Amino acid sequence: MQVSLKTTAKRHKATLHGEIGFVETATLYETAQQIARNPKETQIDWSNLTALHYAGVQVLFALRKSLEEQGYKVQFTEPNPQLYQQLHTFGVWDALIQS
């Protein structure tokens, strides 16, 4: 699992790789806190993420809500097909992309 954050003057880009289980959610949470402390337009690239624990989903929902309350948007790239199927089956994909 890897979470990387790149920040420019105008936006953040968080890239998620591998599997984010319950234990690894702490790293995702720390990244979300960094973004929330310096809010701006944010892209979440999870095209190389293969699994995401429910706790990680909650972190992404909370981050999106926090940024949108401050007038910033969060853009999610297309997840890989395996993850997309899981997200779609449980209604998470539709909920995350609704604005």
N, C-alpha and C. Protein backbone atom coordinates (compact mmCIF):
# COMPACT_ATOMS: atom_id res chain seq x y z
N MET A 1 0.83 -1.17 0.00
CA MET A 1 0.00 0.00 0.00
C MET A 1 0.87 1.23 0.00
N GLN A 2 0.46 2.18 -0.80
CA GLN A 2 1.19 3.44 -0.85
C GLN A 2 0.19 4.57 -1.06
N VAL A 3 0.37 5.62 -0.29
CA VAL A 3 -0.42 6.84 -0.46
C VAL A 3 0.60 7.95 -0.66
N SER A 4 0.50 8.65 -1.79
CA SER A 4 1.42 9.77 -2.02
C SER A 4 0.59 11.02 -2.28
N LEU A 5 1.12 12.14 -1.86
CA LEU A 5 0.44 13.42 -2.01
C LEU A 5 1.36 14.40 -2.70
N LYS A 6 0.88 14.97 -3.80
CA LYS A 6 1.59 16.03 -4.49
C LYS A 6 0.73 17.28 -4.42
N THR A 7 1.35 18.39 -4.08
CA THR A 7 0.62 19.63 -3.92
C THR A 7 1.24 20.72 -4.76
N THR A 8 0.37 21.45 -5.48
CA THR A 8 0.80 22.63 -6.22
C THR A 8 0.10 23.83 -5.59
N ALA A 9 0.32 24.99 -6.15
CA ALA A 9 -0.32 26.19 -5.63
C ALA A 9 -1.84 26.13 -5.75
N LYS A 10 -2.34 25.37 -6.72
CA LYS A 10 -3.78 25.36 -6.98
C LYS A 10 -4.50 24.09 -6.54
N ARG A 11 -3.76 22.97 -6.38
CA ARG A 11 -4.48 21.73 -6.08
C ARG A 11 -3.60 20.68 -5.42
N HIS A 12 -4.30 19.67 -4.88
CA HIS A 12 -3.66 18.48 -4.33
C HIS A 12 -3.97 17.31 -5.25
N LYS A 13 -3.05 16.36 -5.30
CA LYS A 13 -3.31 15.09 -5.97
C LYS A 13 -2.83 13.98 -5.05
N ALA A 14 -3.78 13.17 -4.58
CA ALA A 14 -3.45 12.02 -3.75
C ALA A 14 -3.54 10.78 -4.63
N THR A 15 -2.48 10.00 -4.65
CA THR A 15 -2.42 8.78 -5.44
C THR A 15 -2.38 7.59 -4.49
N LEU A 16 -3.30 6.65 -4.72
CA LEU A 16 -3.42 5.47 -3.85
C LEU A 16 -3.06 4.24 -4.66
N HIS A 17 -2.20 3.38 -4.10
CA HIS A 17 -1.74 2.16 -4.77
C HIS A 17 -1.93 0.95 -3.86
N GLY A 18 -2.16 -0.19 -4.47
CA GLY A 18 -2.22 -1.45 -3.72
C GLY A 18 -3.53 -1.64 -2.97
N GLU A 19 -3.42 -2.13 -1.74
CA GLU A 19 -4.59 -2.37 -0.91
C GLU A 19 -4.52 -1.50 0.34
N ILE A 20 -5.63 -0.88 0.68
CA ILE A 20 -5.71 -0.12 1.91
C ILE A 20 -6.68 -0.86 2.83
N GLY A 21 -6.11 -1.60 3.76
CA GLY A 21 -6.89 -2.32 4.76
C GLY A 21 -7.13 -1.43 5.96
N PHE A 22 -7.67 -2.00 7.03
CA PHE A 22 -7.97 -1.21 8.22
C PHE A 22 -6.72 -0.54 8.79
N VAL A 23 -5.63 -1.28 8.91
CA VAL A 23 -4.40 -0.73 9.50
C VAL A 23 -3.85 0.40 8.64
N GLU A 24 -3.86 0.21 7.33
CA GLU A 24 -3.31 1.22 6.41
C GLU A 24 -4.18 2.47 6.30
N THR A 25 -5.40 2.38 6.79
CA THR A 25 -6.29 3.55 6.75
C THR A 25 -5.70 4.71 7.52
N ALA A 26 -4.87 4.44 8.52
CA ALA A 26 -4.24 5.51 9.29
C ALA A 26 -3.39 6.41 8.38
N THR A 27 -2.70 5.81 7.43
CA THR A 27 -1.89 6.60 6.49
C THR A 27 -2.78 7.45 5.60
N LEU A 28 -3.88 6.88 5.12
CA LEU A 28 -4.83 7.64 4.32
C LEU A 28 -5.43 8.78 5.13
N TYR A 29 -5.74 8.52 6.39
CA TYR A 29 -6.28 9.54 7.27
C TYR A 29 -5.29 10.70 7.46
N GLU A 30 -4.03 10.37 7.66
CA GLU A 30 -3.00 11.41 7.81
C GLU A 30 -2.91 12.27 6.55
N THR A 31 -2.99 11.64 5.39
CA THR A 31 -2.97 12.38 4.12
C THR A 31 -4.19 13.28 4.01
N ALA A 32 -5.35 12.77 4.39
CA ALA A 32 -6.58 13.58 4.36
C ALA A 32 -6.47 14.77 5.30
N GLN A 33 -5.85 14.59 6.44
CA GLN A 33 -5.65 15.70 7.37
C GLN A 33 -4.73 16.77 6.78
N GLN A 34 -3.68 16.34 6.09
CA GLN A 34 -2.79 17.30 5.43
C GLN A 34 -3.57 18.12 4.40
N ILE A 35 -4.42 17.47 3.64
CA ILE A 35 -5.22 18.17 2.64
C ILE A 35 -6.19 19.13 3.32
N ALA A 36 -6.84 18.67 4.37
CA ALA A 36 -7.83 19.50 5.07
C ALA A 36 -7.21 20.73 5.73
N ARG A 37 -5.97 20.62 6.16
CA ARG A 37 -5.29 21.78 6.78
C ARG A 37 -4.95 22.86 5.76
N ASN A 38 -4.84 22.49 4.50
CA ASN A 38 -4.53 23.43 3.44
C ASN A 38 -5.51 23.16 2.29
N PRO A 39 -6.79 23.49 2.46
CA PRO A 39 -7.80 23.09 1.49
C PRO A 39 -7.63 23.74 0.12
N LYS A 40 -7.84 22.93 -0.89
CA LYS A 40 -7.86 23.38 -2.28
C LYS A 40 -8.44 22.25 -3.13
N GLU A 41 -8.65 22.49 -4.41
CA GLU A 41 -9.17 21.46 -5.30
C GLU A 41 -8.30 20.22 -5.15
N THR A 42 -8.94 19.05 -5.14
CA THR A 42 -8.21 17.82 -4.86
C THR A 42 -8.62 16.71 -5.82
N GLN A 43 -7.64 15.98 -6.31
CA GLN A 43 -7.90 14.82 -7.14
C GLN A 43 -7.42 13.59 -6.38
N ILE A 44 -8.29 12.57 -6.35
CA ILE A 44 -7.93 11.29 -5.76
C ILE A 44 -7.75 10.30 -6.92
N ASP A 45 -6.53 9.85 -7.11
CA ASP A 45 -6.22 8.88 -8.17
C ASP A 45 -6.12 7.51 -7.53
N TRP A 46 -7.12 6.70 -7.78
CA TRP A 46 -7.12 5.35 -7.23
C TRP A 46 -7.18 4.30 -8.32
N SER A 47 -6.64 4.66 -9.48
CA SER A 47 -6.63 3.74 -10.62
C SER A 47 -5.76 2.51 -10.36
N ASN A 48 -4.82 2.59 -9.42
CA ASN A 48 -3.96 1.45 -9.09
C ASN A 48 -4.26 0.87 -7.71
N LEU A 49 -5.41 1.24 -7.16
CA LEU A 49 -5.82 0.71 -5.86
C LEU A 49 -6.65 -0.54 -6.10
N THR A 50 -6.34 -1.63 -5.40
CA THR A 50 -7.04 -2.89 -5.64
C THR A 50 -8.07 -3.22 -4.57
N ALA A 51 -7.93 -2.65 -3.38
CA ALA A 51 -8.90 -2.89 -2.31
C ALA A 51 -8.89 -1.72 -1.35
N LEU A 52 -10.05 -1.43 -0.78
CA LEU A 52 -10.19 -0.31 0.15
C LEU A 52 -11.13 -0.71 1.27
N HIS A 53 -10.63 -0.72 2.49
CA HIS A 53 -11.44 -1.06 3.66
C HIS A 53 -12.51 0.01 3.86
N TYR A 54 -13.61 -0.38 4.48
CA TYR A 54 -14.70 0.55 4.72
C TYR A 54 -14.24 1.79 5.48
N ALA A 55 -13.29 1.65 6.40
CA ALA A 55 -12.78 2.80 7.14
C ALA A 55 -12.12 3.80 6.20
N GLY A 56 -11.46 3.31 5.16
CA GLY A 56 -10.87 4.19 4.16
C GLY A 56 -11.93 4.92 3.35
N VAL A 57 -13.03 4.23 3.06
CA VAL A 57 -14.15 4.87 2.37
C VAL A 57 -14.67 6.03 3.22
N GLN A 58 -14.80 5.80 4.52
CA GLN A 58 -15.29 6.85 5.41
C GLN A 58 -14.35 8.06 5.42
N VAL A 59 -13.05 7.81 5.37
CA VAL A 59 -12.08 8.91 5.31
C VAL A 59 -12.30 9.73 4.04
N LEU A 60 -12.53 9.07 2.92
CA LEU A 60 -12.75 9.79 1.66
C LEU A 60 -14.05 10.58 1.68
N PHE A 61 -15.11 10.00 2.25
CA PHE A 61 -16.37 10.75 2.39
C PHE A 61 -16.18 11.99 3.25
N ALA A 62 -15.50 11.84 4.37
CA ALA A 62 -15.28 12.96 5.28
C ALA A 62 -14.42 14.04 4.62
N LEU A 63 -13.40 13.64 3.89
CA LEU A 63 -12.56 14.61 3.20
C LEU A 63 -13.36 15.38 2.17
N ARG A 64 -14.14 14.65 1.39
CA ARG A 64 -14.96 15.34 0.38
C ARG A 64 -15.91 16.32 1.03
N LYS A 65 -16.58 15.91 2.08
CA LYS A 65 -17.52 16.79 2.77
C LYS A 65 -16.82 18.03 3.31
N SER A 66 -15.69 17.85 3.93
CA SER A 66 -14.93 18.97 4.50
C SER A 66 -14.53 19.98 3.43
N LEU A 67 -13.99 19.47 2.32
CA LEU A 67 -13.56 20.37 1.26
C LEU A 67 -14.74 21.07 0.59
N GLU A 68 -15.81 20.34 0.34
CA GLU A 68 -16.97 20.95 -0.32
C GLU A 68 -17.62 22.01 0.56
N GLU A 69 -17.59 21.82 1.87
CA GLU A 69 -18.13 22.84 2.76
C GLU A 69 -17.33 24.14 2.69
N GLN A 70 -16.09 24.03 2.24
CA GLN A 70 -15.23 25.21 2.09
C GLN A 70 -15.17 25.71 0.65
N GLY A 71 -15.98 25.12 -0.22
CA GLY A 71 -16.06 25.57 -1.60
C GLY A 71 -15.10 24.92 -2.57
N TYR A 72 -14.48 23.81 -2.19
CA TYR A 72 -13.54 23.11 -3.06
C TYR A 72 -14.14 21.79 -3.52
N LYS A 73 -13.73 21.34 -4.69
CA LYS A 73 -14.23 20.08 -5.23
C LYS A 73 -13.18 18.99 -5.10
N VAL A 74 -13.69 17.76 -5.01
CA VAL A 74 -12.84 16.58 -5.02
C VAL A 74 -13.20 15.79 -6.27
N GLN A 75 -12.20 15.46 -7.05
CA GLN A 75 -12.40 14.67 -8.27
C GLN A 75 -11.78 13.30 -8.05
N PHE A 76 -12.56 12.27 -8.34
CA PHE A 76 -12.08 10.89 -8.24
C PHE A 76 -11.84 10.36 -9.64
N THR A 77 -10.65 9.83 -9.88
CA THR A 77 -10.38 9.18 -11.17
C THR A 77 -11.12 7.85 -11.19
N GLU A 78 -11.20 7.26 -12.36
CA GLU A 78 -11.82 5.93 -12.47
C GLU A 78 -10.97 4.93 -11.70
N PRO A 79 -11.60 4.16 -10.82
CA PRO A 79 -10.84 3.12 -10.14
C PRO A 79 -10.58 1.94 -11.07
N ASN A 80 -9.69 1.05 -10.66
CA ASN A 80 -9.46 -0.13 -11.48
C ASN A 80 -10.74 -0.97 -11.49
N PRO A 81 -10.93 -1.82 -12.49
CA PRO A 81 -12.20 -2.56 -12.63
C PRO A 81 -12.60 -3.39 -11.41
N GLN A 82 -11.63 -4.03 -10.77
CA GLN A 82 -11.93 -4.84 -9.59
C GLN A 82 -12.49 -3.98 -8.46
N LEU A 83 -11.85 -2.87 -8.19
CA LEU A 83 -12.31 -1.98 -7.13
C LEU A 83 -13.62 -1.32 -7.52
N TYR A 84 -13.74 -0.93 -8.78
CA TYR A 84 -14.98 -0.31 -9.24
C TYR A 84 -16.17 -1.23 -8.99
N GLN A 85 -16.03 -2.50 -9.29
CA GLN A 85 -17.13 -3.45 -9.09
C GLN A 85 -17.55 -3.48 -7.63
N GLN A 86 -16.58 -3.50 -6.73
CA GLN A 86 -16.90 -3.52 -5.31
C GLN A 86 -17.58 -2.21 -4.89
N LEU A 87 -17.03 -1.10 -5.33
CA LEU A 87 -17.61 0.20 -4.98
C LEU A 87 -19.02 0.34 -5.53
N HIS A 88 -19.22 -0.10 -6.76
CA HIS A 88 -20.53 0.00 -7.40
C HIS A 88 -21.54 -0.92 -6.73
N THR A 89 -21.15 -2.13 -6.42
CA THR A 89 -22.05 -3.10 -5.79
C THR A 89 -22.62 -2.56 -4.48
N PHE A 90 -21.80 -1.88 -3.71
CA PHE A 90 -22.24 -1.39 -2.41
C PHE A 90 -22.73 0.07 -2.46
N GLY A 91 -22.82 0.65 -3.66
CA GLY A 91 -23.34 2.01 -3.80
C GLY A 91 -22.36 3.11 -3.45
N VAL A 92 -21.13 2.74 -3.18
CA VAL A 92 -20.14 3.73 -2.76
C VAL A 92 -19.73 4.62 -3.93
N TRP A 93 -19.54 4.04 -5.10
CA TRP A 93 -19.10 4.83 -6.27
C TRP A 93 -20.09 5.94 -6.54
N ASP A 94 -21.36 5.60 -6.63
CA ASP A 94 -22.39 6.61 -6.93
C ASP A 94 -22.42 7.70 -5.85
N ALA A 95 -22.30 7.30 -4.61
CA ALA A 95 -22.33 8.27 -3.49
C ALA A 95 -21.12 9.20 -3.53
N LEU A 96 -19.95 8.68 -3.88
CA LEU A 96 -18.76 9.52 -3.89
C LEU A 96 -18.75 10.52 -5.05
N ILE A 97 -19.29 10.13 -6.19
CA ILE A 97 -19.21 11.04 -7.33
C ILE A 97 -20.37 12.02 -7.40
N GLN A 98 -21.39 11.83 -6.57
CA GLN A 98 -22.49 12.79 -6.53
C GLN A 98 -22.01 14.07 -5.88
N SER A 99 -22.43 15.18 -6.46
CA SER A 99 -22.05 16.47 -5.87
C SER A 99 -23.28 17.25 -5.48
